[in-house]
Amino acid sequence: MVLIKNETLSPSIILVVDDDRTTLMTLEARLQSHGYKVLTAISGKSACEIIEKEHLVIDAILLDRMMPEMDGLQVIEWLKRQNNLTKPPIIMQTGSDRPDQIKEGIDAGVFYYLTKPIAEEVLRSVVSSAVKESKQKRVLRAELSGHRSSFQLMNRAVFHIQTISEAENISCFVANCFPDPEAVLPGVAELIVNAIEHGNLSISYDDKTALLLSGKWREEMDKRAQLPENTGKKAEVDFVKDGNKYAIKISDQGKGFFWQKYMDADPSRALESHGRGIARANMIFSKLQYNKEGNQVLATIDSTMKSTIDW
């Protein structure tokens, strides 16, 4: 298994697209101050040209919604049609917080939204989340290059994990066992990390908001994992393959949560730094089922799998 590591030697690359040159230069400077390498495009068309050339190294795209000739949504639709290009996470920046426009972006595949003017802490938090997802996909591709046939032979695997780092690494491993690993990785990672973060370590939604804004999310995760009440807690990840049917069941030792309100993409949460992961997983998997308490979730690729797989 390839472990996810901090790539301090090579800065992450962000493509910033905005038809306003002042905004473009400002965002470039702000991102560079956080250690990112920045590519810039002044139009949707020039953004597409850069993506074609640099898609393998771009970690995230910060994309203006309203641009002449080719707007942000049209860039997204173009990228969807390019089967030979990797798809970096897209952060949409917009001057409007209208729910209908935000929903339109969510339906197109945007899961990170920033409203202008963009607060510094929110910019840093959201870009960091997008880059993290991009790095996970790179790890996944590296694993696939040498071991794809081995993953296809796996019919069942059970893991017991305690830390966020373990959750991230197991997410890549389990995603490799599915027929389209890159497609399911964001959903797999969200569900497994949730089991540690919100389940065993009792991080609330508001807690996470504050931790992401302060940049202390991982530090707090590591600290809570060492508390006496948490050292014995583990999350179980159970993967099963039955023919062309695939499923993962994830159980934690937390009290659960009110999962129902997170199953669908809510435009009001699209403007926050987190809170869209379960809705995203619900879109990725053909079926997503929580138990009543919310401390166990079953995610399947085939809707008939529940009756054919014996847990």
Protein backbone atom coordinates (compact mmCIF):
# COMPACT_ATOMS: atom_id res chain seq x y z
CA MET A 1 0.00 0.00 0.00
CA VAL A 2 1.25 3.50 -0.86
CA LEU A 3 0.97 5.90 2.06
CA ILE A 4 -0.24 9.47 1.63
CA LYS A 5 2.52 11.87 2.59
CA ASN A 6 2.98 15.62 2.70
CA GLU A 7 4.66 16.61 -0.55
CA THR A 8 6.72 19.47 0.79
CA LEU A 9 9.38 19.29 -1.94
CA SER A 10 6.96 19.98 -4.81
CA PRO A 11 4.35 22.69 -4.20
CA SER A 12 0.78 21.96 -5.19
CA ILE A 13 -0.36 23.60 -8.42
CA ILE A 14 -3.58 25.63 -8.61
CA LEU A 15 -5.10 26.91 -11.85
CA VAL A 16 -6.93 30.21 -11.26
CA VAL A 17 -9.40 31.33 -13.92
CA ASP A 18 -10.95 34.80 -13.88
CA ASP A 19 -11.61 37.40 -16.58
CA ASP A 20 -10.90 40.23 -14.13
CA ARG A 21 -7.14 40.78 -14.16
CA THR A 22 -7.08 42.51 -10.77
CA THR A 23 -8.92 39.60 -9.12
CA LEU A 24 -6.66 37.16 -10.94
CA MET A 25 -3.48 38.83 -9.69
CA THR A 26 -4.83 39.12 -6.15
CA LEU A 27 -5.77 35.44 -5.95
CA GLU A 28 -2.43 34.47 -7.43
CA ALA A 29 -0.56 36.42 -4.75
CA ARG A 30 -2.72 35.06 -1.94
CA LEU A 31 -2.27 31.45 -3.02
CA GLN A 32 1.46 31.90 -3.51
CA SER A 33 1.70 33.22 0.04
CA HIS A 34 0.33 29.83 1.18
CA GLY A 35 3.03 27.98 -0.73
CA TYR A 36 1.10 27.06 -3.87
CA LYS A 37 2.37 27.31 -7.43
CA VAL A 38 -0.23 29.17 -9.49
CA LEU A 39 -1.18 28.97 -13.16
CA THR A 40 -3.54 31.68 -14.44
CA ALA A 41 -6.07 31.96 -17.24
CA ILE A 42 -7.98 35.07 -18.24
CA SER A 43 -10.82 33.23 -20.02
CA GLY A 44 -12.60 29.91 -20.14
CA LYS A 45 -11.04 29.09 -23.49
CA SER A 46 -7.49 29.71 -22.27
CA ALA A 47 -8.27 27.65 -19.17
CA CYS A 48 -9.19 24.68 -21.36
CA GLU A 49 -5.93 25.03 -23.25
CA ILE A 50 -3.93 25.01 -20.01
CA ILE A 51 -5.87 22.03 -18.64
CA GLU A 52 -5.15 20.04 -21.80
CA LYS A 53 -1.42 20.61 -21.36
CA GLU A 54 -1.10 20.47 -17.57
CA HIS A 55 -3.95 18.26 -16.32
CA LEU A 56 -1.55 15.69 -14.86
CA VAL A 57 0.00 18.20 -12.46
CA ILE A 58 -2.90 20.56 -11.65
CA ASP A 59 -4.16 19.85 -8.12
CA ALA A 60 -7.22 22.10 -8.14
CA ILE A 61 -8.99 24.66 -10.33
CA LEU A 62 -10.30 27.92 -8.86
CA LEU A 63 -12.85 28.88 -11.49
CA ASP A 64 -14.87 32.07 -11.93
CA ARG A 65 -18.50 31.35 -12.76
CA MET A 66 -19.36 34.46 -14.79
CA MET A 67 -17.07 35.02 -17.78
CA PRO A 68 -17.81 36.17 -21.36
CA GLU A 69 -17.87 33.68 -24.25
CA MET A 70 -17.19 30.60 -22.12
CA ASP A 71 -18.29 30.74 -18.49
CA GLY A 72 -17.29 28.50 -15.60
CA LEU A 73 -20.09 25.98 -16.04
CA GLN A 74 -19.20 25.60 -19.72
CA VAL A 75 -15.60 24.88 -18.75
CA ILE A 76 -16.84 22.14 -16.41
CA GLU A 77 -19.02 20.61 -19.12
CA TRP A 78 -16.08 20.68 -21.54
CA LEU A 79 -13.84 18.95 -18.99
CA LYS A 80 -16.44 16.24 -18.39
CA ARG A 81 -16.32 15.33 -22.09
CA GLN A 82 -12.53 14.91 -22.12
CA ASN A 83 -12.13 11.22 -21.32
CA ASN A 84 -8.36 11.37 -21.75
CA LEU A 85 -7.84 14.10 -19.13
CA THR A 86 -7.66 13.80 -15.36
CA LYS A 87 -10.31 15.81 -13.53
CA PRO A 88 -8.91 18.07 -10.77
CA PRO A 89 -11.35 19.20 -8.05
CA ILE A 90 -13.09 22.42 -9.06
CA ILE A 91 -13.73 25.34 -6.73
CA MET A 92 -16.29 27.75 -8.13
CA GLN A 93 -15.94 31.41 -7.19
CA THR A 94 -19.02 33.55 -7.66
CA GLY A 95 -20.42 36.92 -6.73
CA SER A 96 -23.89 35.47 -6.20
CA ASP A 97 -25.18 33.37 -3.32
CA ARG A 98 -28.53 32.64 -4.98
CA PRO A 99 -29.59 29.06 -4.14
CA ASP A 100 -30.73 28.32 -7.71
CA GLN A 101 -27.34 29.26 -9.15
CA ILE A 102 -25.50 27.31 -6.48
CA LYS A 103 -27.67 24.25 -7.11
CA GLU A 104 -26.91 24.53 -10.82
CA GLY A 105 -23.22 24.38 -9.99
CA ILE A 106 -23.68 21.44 -7.62
CA ASP A 107 -25.57 19.54 -10.31
CA ALA A 108 -22.67 20.20 -12.69
CA GLY A 109 -20.21 18.69 -10.24
CA VAL A 110 -18.95 21.65 -8.18
CA PHE A 111 -18.56 20.73 -4.51
CA TYR A 112 -16.54 23.74 -3.39
CA TYR A 113 -18.04 27.22 -3.57
CA LEU A 114 -16.49 30.55 -2.64
CA THR A 115 -18.36 33.85 -2.68
CA LYS A 116 -16.59 37.09 -3.50
CA PRO A 117 -14.95 38.71 -1.65
CA ILE A 118 -13.26 35.53 -0.45
CA ALA A 119 -12.22 35.46 3.20
CA GLU A 120 -8.58 34.42 3.67
CA GLU A 121 -9.28 31.59 6.12
CA VAL A 122 -12.02 30.13 3.91
CA LEU A 123 -9.82 30.31 0.81
CA ARG A 124 -7.01 28.46 2.57
CA SER A 125 -9.33 25.83 4.03
CA VAL A 126 -11.24 25.04 0.83
CA VAL A 127 -8.16 24.97 -1.41
CA SER A 128 -6.43 22.69 1.09
CA SER A 129 -9.38 20.26 0.99
CA ALA A 130 -9.40 20.22 -2.80
CA VAL A 131 -5.64 19.62 -2.98
CA LYS A 132 -5.93 16.78 -0.48
CA GLU A 133 -8.46 15.03 -2.71
CA SER A 134 -6.20 15.51 -5.72
CA LYS A 135 -3.23 14.00 -3.87
CA GLN A 136 -5.33 10.98 -2.89
CA LYS A 137 -6.16 10.36 -6.54
CA ARG A 138 -2.47 10.49 -7.44
CA VAL A 139 -1.71 7.89 -4.79
CA LEU A 140 -4.49 5.79 -6.22
CA ARG A 141 -3.09 5.96 -9.74
CA ALA A 142 0.37 5.02 -8.44
CA GLU A 143 -1.05 1.94 -6.75
CA LEU A 144 -3.01 0.99 -9.83
CA SER A 145 0.03 1.11 -12.09
CA GLY A 146 1.64 -1.87 -10.39
CA HIS A 147 -1.05 -3.80 -8.57
CA ARG A 148 -4.36 -3.49 -10.44
CA SER A 149 -4.64 -7.22 -11.16
CA SER A 150 -4.05 -8.04 -7.48
CA PHE A 151 -6.84 -5.74 -6.33
CA GLN A 152 -9.23 -7.37 -8.79
CA LEU A 153 -8.62 -10.72 -7.08
CA MET A 154 -9.85 -9.47 -3.71
CA ASN A 155 -13.35 -10.63 -2.76
CA ARG A 156 -13.42 -9.58 0.89
CA ALA A 157 -11.27 -7.55 3.26
CA VAL A 158 -11.87 -6.27 6.79
CA PHE A 159 -9.86 -3.42 8.35
CA HIS A 160 -9.87 -1.95 11.85
CA ILE A 161 -8.57 1.62 11.98
CA GLN A 162 -8.05 4.25 14.68
CA THR A 163 -6.48 7.36 13.12
CA ILE A 164 -7.15 9.83 10.33
CA SER A 165 -3.95 8.77 8.55
CA GLU A 166 -5.08 5.14 8.60
CA ALA A 167 -8.50 6.22 7.30
CA GLU A 168 -6.95 8.09 4.38
CA ASN A 169 -4.67 5.22 3.41
CA ILE A 170 -7.36 2.55 3.69
CA SER A 171 -9.61 4.75 1.56
CA CYS A 172 -7.14 4.52 -1.31
CA PHE A 173 -6.71 0.78 -0.81
CA VAL A 174 -10.45 0.05 -0.74
CA ALA A 175 -11.18 2.34 -3.71
CA ASN A 176 -8.70 0.28 -5.73
CA CYS A 177 -10.93 -2.76 -5.25
CA PHE A 178 -13.79 -1.13 -7.17
CA PRO A 179 -14.02 -1.22 -10.97
CA ASP A 180 -13.61 2.58 -11.28
CA PRO A 181 -11.36 3.58 -8.35
CA GLU A 182 -11.03 7.29 -9.14
CA ALA A 183 -14.79 7.69 -9.42
CA VAL A 184 -15.52 6.13 -6.01
CA LEU A 185 -12.50 7.49 -4.09
CA PRO A 186 -14.11 10.76 -2.89
CA GLY A 187 -17.12 8.85 -1.56
CA VAL A 188 -15.09 6.06 0.03
CA ALA A 189 -12.74 8.55 1.69
CA GLU A 190 -15.59 10.69 3.02
CA LEU A 191 -17.39 7.78 4.64
CA ILE A 192 -14.28 6.23 6.20
CA VAL A 193 -12.87 9.53 7.49
CA ASN A 194 -16.31 10.41 8.91
CA ALA A 195 -16.27 7.22 10.97
CA ILE A 196 -13.06 8.33 12.72
CA GLU A 197 -13.63 12.08 12.81
CA HIS A 198 -17.33 12.48 13.65
CA GLY A 199 -17.90 8.98 15.01
CA ASN A 200 -15.08 7.83 17.27
CA LEU A 201 -13.53 11.25 17.95
CA SER A 202 -16.83 13.15 18.36
CA ILE A 203 -15.96 16.15 16.19
CA SER A 204 -19.19 18.07 15.58
CA TYR A 205 -20.03 20.03 12.43
CA ASP A 206 -19.32 23.32 14.21
CA ASP A 207 -16.09 21.91 15.68
CA LYS A 208 -14.85 21.05 12.21
CA THR A 209 -15.77 24.46 10.82
CA ALA A 210 -13.65 26.17 13.48
CA LEU A 211 -10.77 23.70 13.14
CA LEU A 212 -10.58 24.09 9.36
CA LEU A 213 -10.60 27.88 9.62
CA SER A 214 -7.82 27.80 12.21
CA GLY A 215 -5.79 25.23 10.28
CA LYS A 216 -5.74 22.90 13.29
CA TRP A 217 -8.01 20.12 12.03
CA ARG A 218 -5.37 17.36 11.75
CA GLU A 219 -3.65 18.46 14.96
CA GLU A 220 -6.94 18.12 16.84
CA MET A 221 -7.63 14.71 15.26
CA ASP A 222 -4.27 13.40 16.43
CA LYS A 223 -4.78 14.89 19.90
CA ARG A 224 -8.22 13.37 20.38
CA ALA A 225 -7.04 9.97 19.18
CA GLN A 226 -4.65 9.90 22.16
CA LEU A 227 -7.28 10.66 24.80
CA PRO A 228 -7.92 7.75 27.21
CA GLU A 229 -11.59 7.53 26.22
CA ASN A 230 -10.65 7.13 22.55
CA THR A 231 -7.52 4.96 22.51
CA GLY A 232 -9.55 1.74 22.39
CA LYS A 233 -12.01 2.89 19.74
CA LYS A 234 -11.76 1.49 16.24
CA ALA A 235 -13.77 1.82 13.08
CA GLU A 236 -14.41 -1.30 11.03
CA VAL A 237 -14.28 -1.17 7.23
CA ASP A 238 -15.69 -4.28 5.55
CA PHE A 239 -15.33 -4.64 1.76
CA VAL A 240 -17.17 -7.34 -0.21
CA LYS A 241 -17.16 -8.21 -3.88
CA ASP A 242 -19.71 -10.65 -5.32
CA GLY A 243 -19.38 -11.00 -9.07
CA ASN A 244 -19.97 -7.53 -10.46
CA LYS A 245 -21.42 -6.28 -7.20
CA TYR A 246 -19.34 -4.24 -4.73
CA ALA A 247 -20.05 -2.90 -1.25
CA ILE A 248 -18.39 -1.41 1.79
CA LYS A 249 -19.86 -1.36 5.28
CA ILE A 250 -18.30 1.10 7.73
CA SER A 251 -19.06 0.98 11.45
CA ASP A 252 -17.81 3.26 14.22
CA GLN A 253 -18.16 3.33 18.01
CA GLY A 254 -19.70 6.79 18.20
CA LYS A 255 -23.21 7.76 19.26
CA GLY A 256 -24.26 8.45 15.68
CA PHE A 257 -25.67 11.64 14.13
CA PHE A 258 -28.70 12.97 12.27
CA TRP A 259 -27.53 11.75 8.87
CA GLN A 260 -30.78 12.43 7.02
CA LYS A 261 -30.12 16.13 6.44
CA TYR A 262 -26.76 15.45 4.78
CA MET A 263 -27.92 12.96 2.15
CA ASP A 264 -28.75 15.63 -0.45
CA ALA A 265 -26.62 18.54 -1.63
CA ASP A 266 -27.88 21.63 0.20
CA PRO A 267 -27.03 24.96 -1.52
CA SER A 268 -26.74 26.62 1.89
CA ARG A 269 -23.83 24.32 2.79
CA ALA A 270 -22.13 24.73 -0.59
CA LEU A 271 -20.76 28.06 0.65
CA GLU A 272 -19.17 26.46 3.73
CA SER A 273 -15.78 24.80 3.93
CA HIS A 274 -17.22 21.31 4.42
CA GLY A 275 -20.51 19.44 4.82
CA ARG A 276 -21.06 18.09 1.29
CA GLY A 277 -19.24 14.78 1.53
CA ILE A 278 -22.16 12.49 2.36
CA ALA A 279 -24.28 14.03 -0.41
CA ARG A 280 -21.39 13.47 -2.76
CA ALA A 281 -21.09 9.84 -1.68
CA ASN A 282 -24.83 9.47 -2.18
CA MET A 283 -24.36 10.60 -5.79
CA ILE A 284 -21.34 8.33 -6.39
CA PHE A 285 -22.80 5.09 -5.03
CA SER A 286 -25.96 3.57 -6.40
CA LYS A 287 -27.23 3.07 -2.84
CA LEU A 288 -26.21 4.58 0.49
CA GLN A 289 -27.86 3.30 3.68
CA TYR A 290 -27.28 4.37 7.29
CA ASN A 291 -28.58 2.55 10.32
CA LYS A 292 -31.03 4.42 12.53
CA GLU A 293 -28.35 5.83 14.85
CA GLY A 294 -25.99 6.88 12.06
CA ASN A 295 -22.91 4.98 13.26
CA GLN A 296 -22.97 2.41 10.46
CA VAL A 297 -23.26 2.97 6.71
CA LEU A 298 -23.52 0.57 3.80
CA ALA A 299 -22.47 1.85 0.36
CA THR A 300 -23.13 -0.27 -2.70
CA ILE A 301 -22.43 -0.01 -6.40
CA ASP A 302 -25.30 -2.29 -7.41
CA SER A 303 -28.82 -1.77 -6.07
CA THR A 304 -29.51 -5.53 -5.92
CA MET A 305 -26.40 -6.29 -3.87
CA LYS A 306 -28.03 -6.08 -0.46
CA SER A 307 -29.95 -9.33 -1.04
CA THR A 308 -27.04 -11.24 -2.56
CA ILE A 309 -24.15 -10.49 -0.20
CA ASP A 310 -24.04 -12.16 3.19
CA TRP A 311 -22.27 -9.95 5.75
